[in-house]
Amino acid sequence: METKFIETHDLANVLNLIDVAAKKGMFNGDQLSAIGAMRERFLNELKQQAPAEDNVSNLESESTAFEVSAD
């Protein structure tokens, strides 16, 4: 069995954090392609680790519980 250091909830939290930061305009235009590519890799890994979990398939349609401060 392969040891996983990053669990599915960690991946979901990173995806939510990226989404909240993007909605708040915290990324510059020249950063968007790199951040989008990273988000896709995390989403694919999350789907691979937990394909049967309903929250994975609904991840992009749900609102997030994170609040990101621009302080």
Protein backbone atom coordinates (compact mmCIF):
# COMPACT_ATOMS: atom_id res chain seq x y z
CA MET A 1 0.00 0.00 0.00
CA GLU A 2 1.28 3.45 -0.93
CA THR A 3 1.65 5.96 1.88
CA LYS A 4 -0.33 9.12 1.28
CA PHE A 5 0.72 12.27 3.06
CA ILE A 6 -1.95 14.43 1.48
CA GLU A 7 -5.45 13.19 2.11
CA THR A 8 -8.60 13.84 0.12
CA HIS A 9 -9.83 16.56 2.47
CA ASP A 10 -6.49 18.36 2.06
CA LEU A 11 -6.91 18.37 -1.72
CA ALA A 12 -10.50 19.57 -1.43
CA ASN A 13 -9.41 22.37 0.90
CA VAL A 14 -6.74 23.55 -1.56
CA LEU A 15 -9.29 23.55 -4.40
CA ASN A 16 -11.70 25.57 -2.29
CA LEU A 17 -8.97 28.00 -1.31
CA ILE A 18 -7.99 28.54 -4.97
CA ASP A 19 -11.63 29.12 -5.91
CA VAL A 20 -12.21 31.66 -3.13
CA ALA A 21 -8.99 33.51 -3.92
CA ALA A 22 -9.90 33.63 -7.63
CA LYS A 23 -13.37 35.00 -6.85
CA LYS A 24 -11.79 37.73 -4.74
CA GLY A 25 -9.38 38.68 -7.53
CA MET A 26 -6.27 37.74 -5.59
CA PHE A 27 -4.38 36.51 -8.67
CA ASN A 28 -2.79 38.57 -11.42
CA GLY A 29 -3.68 37.76 -15.00
CA ASP A 30 -0.23 36.33 -15.74
CA GLN A 31 -0.68 33.85 -12.88
CA LEU A 32 -4.02 32.43 -13.97
CA SER A 33 -2.81 29.73 -16.36
CA ALA A 34 -0.34 28.29 -13.82
CA ILE A 35 -2.90 28.38 -11.02
CA GLY A 36 -5.55 26.83 -13.28
CA ALA A 37 -3.18 24.03 -14.28
CA MET A 38 -2.32 23.37 -10.64
CA ARG A 39 -6.02 23.33 -9.74
CA GLU A 40 -6.69 20.77 -12.48
CA ARG A 41 -3.90 18.50 -11.20
CA PHE A 42 -5.30 18.68 -7.66
CA LEU A 43 -8.83 18.00 -8.90
CA ASN A 44 -7.68 14.98 -10.94
CA GLU A 45 -5.74 13.61 -7.96
CA LEU A 46 -8.78 14.09 -5.72
CA LYS A 47 -10.98 12.23 -8.19
CA GLN A 48 -8.41 9.44 -8.44
CA GLN A 49 -8.07 9.06 -4.66
CA ALA A 50 -11.79 9.18 -3.89
CA PRO A 51 -13.84 8.47 -7.05
CA ALA A 52 -16.84 7.11 -5.13
CA GLU A 53 -17.28 10.10 -2.83
CA ASP A 54 -20.24 12.26 -3.84
CA ASN A 55 -18.53 15.43 -2.64
CA VAL A 56 -15.85 15.05 -5.31
CA SER A 57 -18.29 15.12 -8.20
CA ASN A 58 -20.10 18.10 -6.69
CA LEU A 59 -17.00 20.01 -5.65
CA GLU A 60 -17.14 22.64 -8.37
CA SER A 61 -20.85 23.34 -7.92
CA GLU A 62 -20.76 23.84 -4.16
CA SER A 63 -19.99 27.09 -2.41
CA THR A 64 -16.94 27.04 -0.20
CA ALA A 65 -16.75 27.42 3.55
CA PHE A 66 -13.48 29.35 3.47
CA GLU A 67 -13.12 33.04 4.00
CA VAL A 68 -9.92 34.49 2.58
CA SER A 69 -8.70 37.76 3.98
CA ALA A 70 -6.86 40.16 1.70
CA ASP A 71 -4.99 41.67 4.65
